[in-house]
Amino acid sequence: MKPLRHATALETVAVTVPADALEAYEAALGQACGAVGFFLDDATGLWTVEGVKDRGANEDVLAAALALAESVTGVAATPQRHATETEGWLARTAAAFPEQPIGRRFAVRGTHLDGPLLAGRITLVLDAAVAFGSGEHGSTRGCLRALERLAGRRPPRRILDLGTGSGILAMAAAALLRRRVLATDIDPWSVRTARANATRNRLGPRIATLRADGWRSRTLRAGAPYDLVFANILARPLTRMAADLARHLAPGGTAVLAGLLAGQANWVLAAHRRNGLVLRGVLREGAWATLVLRRPAATPPASAAPPAE
């Protein structure tokens, strides 16, 4: 196995916040850091959010994002920094990213792993250097479990992965359902990463990647109505996009929503129920919840309106 290397010095930026500020500070660090993770301290009930970035990079972006998170949440969190040994971080990341069986149908493994694939599973291969946001996260695992439950039904014709990140859900759907998937993200780096991962997993012909600001994208709207939509994002944007999702989901279509803490599930669910969607299931992975929603075949969304340009 070749050693993992990184060309520049890295640093870790960390904040400790209560649960109701986790979402905002995760998004803040995500603006400036290439990898973000968060961990619960069971003793205190507080969350530590860590981001790893090139030392000295994106300082203005980070300062502005942290200030916005403080303004939105009312929680002031002083960032702690420490140098992160480049090869040491990548080695630790690889060590913390073993092959992961998920549900009954999937396995996720890093490119650093050798040996035979797990029999009877669809194996998705990701670079260990981008292990954050891969299959180890409860939101991703919940979405993959939801997907395998849906697989026995009539295969969806149009599939959208909204906020694709590494592309893991788009790849899983393309491999399991043998259908084309549109994978979009607002972040250009995520779009490039998803495209590279699709190629690595020999799924490139089935996955179209697109940089898009959610439902504001004309191309994304033009592909509607979708029979299956994944949106593994965060609770607030999911709530804001509820009407758009309902409007662009086909009658009888299914939406799998994740990226929300279990305590946020009812809030997100209420927004989608107001727009005509019904709950078909809730999957829990640790502190995280995944909602499976359906648009009734004969009922239009409650608050349909012309889409914003």
Protein backbone atom coordinates (compact mmCIF):
# COMPACT_ATOMS: atom_id res chain seq x y z
CA MET A 1 0.00 0.00 0.00
CA LYS A 2 1.42 3.37 -0.98
CA PRO A 3 1.77 5.99 1.78
CA LEU A 4 -0.79 8.77 1.79
CA ARG A 5 0.72 12.20 1.30
CA HIS A 6 -0.42 15.81 1.24
CA ALA A 7 1.56 18.62 -0.32
CA THR A 8 0.96 21.40 2.22
CA ALA A 9 0.86 21.84 6.00
CA LEU A 10 -2.50 21.27 7.65
CA GLU A 11 -4.20 22.65 10.72
CA THR A 12 -7.29 21.64 12.67
CA VAL A 13 -9.84 24.26 13.72
CA ALA A 14 -12.27 23.16 16.44
CA VAL A 15 -15.24 24.66 18.28
CA THR A 16 -17.39 23.22 21.07
CA VAL A 17 -21.10 24.05 20.96
CA PRO A 18 -24.49 22.83 22.23
CA ALA A 19 -26.69 20.70 19.95
CA ASP A 20 -28.88 23.57 18.77
CA ALA A 21 -25.81 25.37 17.39
CA LEU A 22 -24.21 22.30 15.79
CA GLU A 23 -25.77 22.77 12.37
CA ALA A 24 -24.69 26.39 12.00
CA TYR A 25 -21.12 25.80 13.13
CA GLU A 26 -20.73 22.68 10.98
CA ALA A 27 -21.79 24.77 7.99
CA ALA A 28 -19.40 27.55 9.04
CA LEU A 29 -16.35 25.31 9.20
CA GLY A 30 -17.43 23.67 5.99
CA GLN A 31 -17.06 27.01 4.22
CA ALA A 32 -13.32 27.10 4.85
CA CYS A 33 -12.23 23.51 5.53
CA GLY A 34 -11.85 20.61 3.17
CA ALA A 35 -12.96 18.05 5.77
CA VAL A 36 -15.35 18.54 8.70
CA GLY A 37 -16.39 16.13 11.44
CA PHE A 38 -18.28 16.43 14.72
CA PHE A 39 -18.32 14.38 17.89
CA LEU A 40 -20.61 14.24 20.93
CA ASP A 41 -19.24 14.33 24.48
CA ASP A 42 -21.74 12.15 26.34
CA ALA A 43 -20.63 13.56 29.70
CA THR A 44 -21.38 17.21 28.84
CA GLY A 45 -23.89 16.89 26.00
CA LEU A 46 -21.75 19.27 23.94
CA TRP A 47 -20.57 18.76 20.37
CA THR A 48 -17.03 19.36 19.11
CA VAL A 49 -16.91 20.40 15.47
CA GLU A 50 -13.51 20.01 13.79
CA GLY A 51 -12.36 21.16 10.39
CA VAL A 52 -9.07 20.38 8.67
CA LYS A 53 -7.65 22.87 6.18
CA ASP A 54 -4.40 24.07 4.69
CA ARG A 55 -2.62 26.20 7.28
CA GLY A 56 -3.36 29.89 6.77
CA ALA A 57 -5.87 29.29 3.98
CA ASN A 58 -9.38 30.79 3.79
CA GLU A 59 -8.96 32.90 6.94
CA ASP A 60 -11.34 35.67 5.81
CA VAL A 61 -13.96 33.12 4.80
CA LEU A 62 -13.62 31.30 8.12
CA ALA A 63 -13.90 34.49 10.20
CA ALA A 64 -17.02 35.63 8.34
CA ALA A 65 -18.65 32.19 8.57
CA LEU A 66 -18.01 31.89 12.32
CA ALA A 67 -19.39 35.39 12.89
CA LEU A 68 -22.53 34.47 10.97
CA ALA A 69 -22.94 31.25 12.97
CA GLU A 70 -22.67 33.22 16.21
CA SER A 71 -25.22 35.76 14.97
CA VAL A 72 -27.70 33.08 13.93
CA THR A 73 -27.42 30.92 17.04
CA GLY A 74 -26.51 33.41 19.76
CA VAL A 75 -23.71 31.01 20.77
CA ALA A 76 -20.18 32.42 20.84
CA ALA A 77 -17.62 29.69 20.23
CA THR A 78 -13.91 30.50 20.32
CA PRO A 79 -12.07 28.39 17.74
CA GLN A 80 -9.14 26.31 18.96
CA ARG A 81 -6.35 25.61 16.51
CA HIS A 82 -3.48 23.18 16.39
CA ALA A 83 -1.07 22.07 13.73
CA THR A 84 -1.94 18.74 12.18
CA GLU A 85 0.89 16.58 10.94
CA THR A 86 0.06 16.07 7.30
CA GLU A 87 0.96 12.43 6.82
CA GLY A 88 -0.12 11.66 10.36
CA TRP A 89 -3.60 13.06 9.73
CA LEU A 90 -4.01 11.11 6.52
CA ALA A 91 -2.76 7.96 8.22
CA ARG A 92 -5.19 8.45 11.12
CA THR A 93 -7.98 9.12 8.65
CA ALA A 94 -7.19 5.88 6.84
CA ALA A 95 -7.03 3.97 10.10
CA ALA A 96 -10.42 5.37 11.12
CA PHE A 97 -11.93 4.40 7.76
CA PRO A 98 -12.10 0.60 7.72
CA GLU A 99 -14.39 -1.24 5.34
CA GLN A 100 -17.96 -0.65 6.46
CA PRO A 101 -20.84 -3.03 5.75
CA ILE A 102 -24.06 -0.97 5.70
CA GLY A 103 -27.47 -2.59 5.82
CA ARG A 104 -27.78 -5.80 3.83
CA ARG A 105 -26.68 -4.59 0.42
CA PHE A 106 -23.81 -2.11 0.67
CA ALA A 107 -20.19 -1.82 1.75
CA VAL A 108 -17.97 1.28 1.71
CA ARG A 109 -14.18 0.99 1.64
CA GLY A 110 -11.26 3.35 1.20
CA THR A 111 -8.83 3.28 -1.68
CA HIS A 112 -6.11 2.43 0.86
CA LEU A 113 -7.61 -1.01 1.51
CA ASP A 114 -6.48 -4.16 -0.27
CA GLY A 115 -7.98 -7.61 -0.30
CA PRO A 116 -11.14 -9.16 -1.71
CA LEU A 117 -14.47 -7.35 -1.71
CA LEU A 118 -17.21 -8.47 0.66
CA ALA A 119 -19.32 -11.10 -1.07
CA GLY A 120 -22.92 -10.31 -1.93
CA ARG A 121 -22.60 -6.54 -1.46
CA ILE A 122 -22.31 -3.51 -3.68
CA THR A 123 -18.95 -2.03 -2.70
CA LEU A 124 -18.41 1.71 -3.11
CA VAL A 125 -14.77 2.82 -3.04
CA LEU A 126 -13.86 6.28 -1.71
CA ASP A 127 -10.53 8.00 -1.12
CA ALA A 128 -9.56 7.76 2.57
CA ALA A 129 -8.38 11.39 2.41
CA VAL A 130 -12.03 12.44 2.15
CA ALA A 131 -13.33 10.03 4.79
CA PHE A 132 -15.40 12.72 6.52
CA GLY A 133 -18.85 12.61 5.03
CA SER A 134 -18.45 9.07 3.76
CA GLY A 135 -20.37 6.01 4.87
CA GLU A 136 -19.33 6.27 8.51
CA HIS A 137 -21.76 9.13 9.15
CA GLY A 138 -25.20 8.28 10.52
CA SER A 139 -26.98 10.39 7.90
CA THR A 140 -25.31 8.58 5.00
CA ARG A 141 -25.91 5.18 6.56
CA GLY A 142 -29.58 6.01 7.08
CA CYS A 143 -29.97 7.01 3.42
CA LEU A 144 -28.31 3.80 2.21
CA ARG A 145 -30.58 1.71 4.43
CA ALA A 146 -33.61 3.61 3.10
CA LEU A 147 -32.47 3.00 -0.47
CA GLU A 148 -32.23 -0.74 -0.04
CA ARG A 149 -35.76 -0.81 1.42
CA LEU A 150 -37.03 0.96 -1.69
CA ALA A 151 -35.22 -1.32 -4.11
CA GLY A 152 -37.92 -3.99 -4.25
CA ARG A 153 -40.49 -1.59 -5.65
CA ARG A 154 -40.97 -0.41 -9.21
CA PRO A 155 -37.62 1.17 -10.19
CA PRO A 156 -37.77 4.98 -10.27
CA ARG A 157 -37.21 6.55 -13.68
CA ARG A 158 -35.79 9.93 -12.64
CA ILE A 159 -33.47 10.10 -9.64
CA LEU A 160 -31.91 13.20 -8.06
CA ASP A 161 -29.17 13.39 -5.41
CA LEU A 162 -29.42 16.96 -4.11
CA GLY A 163 -26.27 18.04 -2.25
CA THR A 164 -24.31 15.02 -3.43
CA GLY A 165 -21.01 15.69 -1.60
CA SER A 166 -18.80 12.69 -2.33
CA GLY A 167 -21.45 11.23 -4.64
CA ILE A 168 -21.93 8.17 -2.44
CA LEU A 169 -25.75 8.15 -2.58
CA ALA A 170 -25.84 8.78 -6.33
CA MET A 171 -23.42 5.90 -6.84
CA ALA A 172 -25.40 3.59 -4.57
CA ALA A 173 -28.64 4.35 -6.41
CA ALA A 174 -27.04 3.98 -9.83
CA ALA A 175 -25.48 0.63 -8.89
CA LEU A 176 -28.46 -0.87 -7.07
CA LEU A 177 -31.30 0.39 -9.26
CA ARG A 178 -29.36 0.41 -12.56
CA ARG A 179 -30.75 3.82 -13.42
CA ARG A 180 -29.21 7.16 -14.35
CA VAL A 181 -28.88 9.68 -11.51
CA LEU A 182 -28.49 13.47 -11.53
CA ALA A 183 -26.04 14.44 -8.75
CA THR A 184 -25.86 18.15 -7.84
CA ASP A 185 -24.05 20.27 -5.29
CA ILE A 186 -23.53 23.99 -4.76
CA ASP A 187 -19.84 23.39 -4.04
CA PRO A 188 -17.68 22.95 -7.17
CA TRP A 189 -15.14 20.83 -5.28
CA SER A 190 -17.89 18.39 -4.29
CA VAL A 191 -19.04 18.17 -7.91
CA ARG A 192 -15.50 17.32 -9.03
CA THR A 193 -15.12 14.79 -6.22
CA ALA A 194 -18.44 13.12 -7.03
CA ARG A 195 -17.49 12.90 -10.70
CA ALA A 196 -14.10 11.36 -9.85
CA ASN A 197 -15.67 8.84 -7.47
CA ALA A 198 -18.26 7.83 -10.07
CA THR A 199 -15.46 7.19 -12.56
CA ARG A 200 -13.42 5.27 -9.94
CA ASN A 201 -16.42 3.01 -9.31
CA ARG A 202 -17.15 2.53 -13.03
CA LEU A 203 -20.46 4.34 -12.68
CA GLY A 204 -19.58 7.45 -14.67
CA PRO A 205 -21.98 6.71 -17.58
CA ARG A 206 -24.92 6.48 -15.15
CA ILE A 207 -24.22 9.64 -13.13
CA ALA A 208 -24.52 13.19 -14.43
CA THR A 209 -22.89 15.74 -12.10
CA LEU A 210 -23.96 19.38 -11.98
CA ARG A 211 -23.02 22.43 -9.93
CA ALA A 212 -26.38 23.84 -8.84
CA ASP A 213 -27.78 26.06 -6.10
CA GLY A 214 -30.60 23.73 -5.20
CA TRP A 215 -33.96 24.26 -6.88
CA ARG A 216 -32.82 27.64 -8.20
CA SER A 217 -31.10 25.75 -11.02
CA ARG A 218 -33.07 25.79 -14.28
CA THR A 219 -31.42 22.53 -15.33
CA LEU A 220 -32.42 20.81 -12.11
CA ARG A 221 -36.02 22.03 -12.41
CA ALA A 222 -36.16 21.04 -16.08
CA GLY A 223 -35.42 17.43 -15.11
CA ALA A 224 -38.50 17.23 -12.89
CA PRO A 225 -40.67 15.54 -11.88
CA TYR A 226 -38.36 13.18 -9.99
CA ASP A 227 -39.45 9.75 -8.82
CA LEU A 228 -36.75 9.55 -6.13
CA VAL A 229 -34.92 12.42 -4.45
CA PHE A 230 -32.10 12.18 -1.91
CA ALA A 231 -31.36 15.33 0.10
CA ASN A 232 -28.71 14.66 2.75
CA ILE A 233 -28.12 18.28 3.72
CA LEU A 234 -29.09 20.05 6.98
CA ALA A 235 -32.37 20.66 8.78
CA ARG A 236 -32.77 24.37 7.98
CA PRO A 237 -32.24 24.19 4.22
CA LEU A 238 -34.41 21.06 4.05
CA THR A 239 -37.22 22.99 5.71
CA ARG A 240 -36.78 26.00 3.43
CA MET A 241 -36.89 23.78 0.34
CA ALA A 242 -39.97 21.76 1.37
CA ALA A 243 -42.35 23.43 -1.09
CA ASP A 244 -39.87 23.14 -3.96
CA LEU A 245 -39.29 19.47 -3.23
CA ALA A 246 -43.03 18.73 -3.15
CA ARG A 247 -43.54 20.68 -6.38
CA HIS A 248 -40.86 18.76 -8.26
CA LEU A 249 -41.54 15.29 -6.85
CA ALA A 250 -43.61 13.07 -9.14
CA PRO A 251 -46.99 11.80 -7.91
CA GLY A 252 -46.18 8.60 -6.06
CA GLY A 253 -42.53 9.70 -5.80
CA THR A 254 -40.30 9.24 -2.75
CA ALA A 255 -37.95 11.65 -0.98
CA VAL A 256 -35.22 10.54 1.44
CA LEU A 257 -34.19 13.41 3.72
CA ALA A 258 -31.20 13.35 6.07
CA GLY A 259 -28.56 15.49 7.72
CA LEU A 260 -30.80 16.19 10.71
CA LEU A 261 -30.49 15.33 14.35
CA ALA A 262 -33.26 13.16 15.78
CA GLY A 263 -34.57 16.17 17.70
CA GLN A 264 -35.03 18.10 14.44
CA ALA A 265 -37.02 15.39 12.67
CA ASN A 266 -40.50 16.61 13.68
CA TRP A 267 -39.65 20.16 12.63
CA VAL A 268 -38.51 19.04 9.16
CA LEU A 269 -41.42 16.61 8.84
CA ALA A 270 -44.00 19.31 9.66
CA ALA A 271 -42.71 21.56 6.87
CA HIS A 272 -43.09 18.77 4.32
CA ARG A 273 -46.49 17.66 5.58
CA ARG A 274 -47.74 21.21 5.03
CA ASN A 275 -46.77 20.71 1.38
CA GLY A 276 -48.68 17.48 0.91
CA LEU A 277 -46.01 14.86 1.56
CA VAL A 278 -46.68 11.91 3.87
CA LEU A 279 -44.30 10.02 6.14
CA ARG A 280 -43.44 6.47 5.10
CA GLY A 281 -40.67 5.76 7.57
CA VAL A 282 -38.00 7.03 9.96
CA LEU A 283 -34.57 5.42 10.26
CA ARG A 284 -32.26 6.27 13.16
CA GLU A 285 -28.49 5.95 13.30
CA GLY A 286 -27.18 7.15 16.66
CA ALA A 287 -28.12 10.83 17.06
CA TRP A 288 -29.25 11.13 13.43
CA ALA A 289 -32.60 10.58 11.73
CA THR A 290 -33.51 9.86 8.10
CA LEU A 291 -37.03 10.62 6.87
CA VAL A 292 -38.67 8.70 4.02
CA LEU A 293 -41.51 10.75 2.53
CA ARG A 294 -43.92 10.13 -0.33
CA ARG A 295 -46.06 12.36 -2.50
CA PRO A 296 -49.51 10.74 -2.80
CA ALA A 297 -50.29 9.68 -6.34
CA ALA A 298 -53.46 11.78 -6.68
CA THR A 299 -52.80 14.70 -4.33
CA PRO A 300 -51.01 17.88 -5.53
CA PRO A 301 -48.57 19.59 -3.16
CA ALA A 302 -50.40 21.91 -0.78
CA SER A 303 -48.51 25.13 -1.41
CA ALA A 304 -47.64 24.81 -5.09
CA ALA A 305 -46.54 28.11 -6.58
CA PRO A 306 -44.42 29.19 -9.56
CA PRO A 307 -40.74 28.45 -8.88
CA ALA A 308 -38.42 31.32 -8.09
CA GLU A 309 -36.04 32.29 -10.85
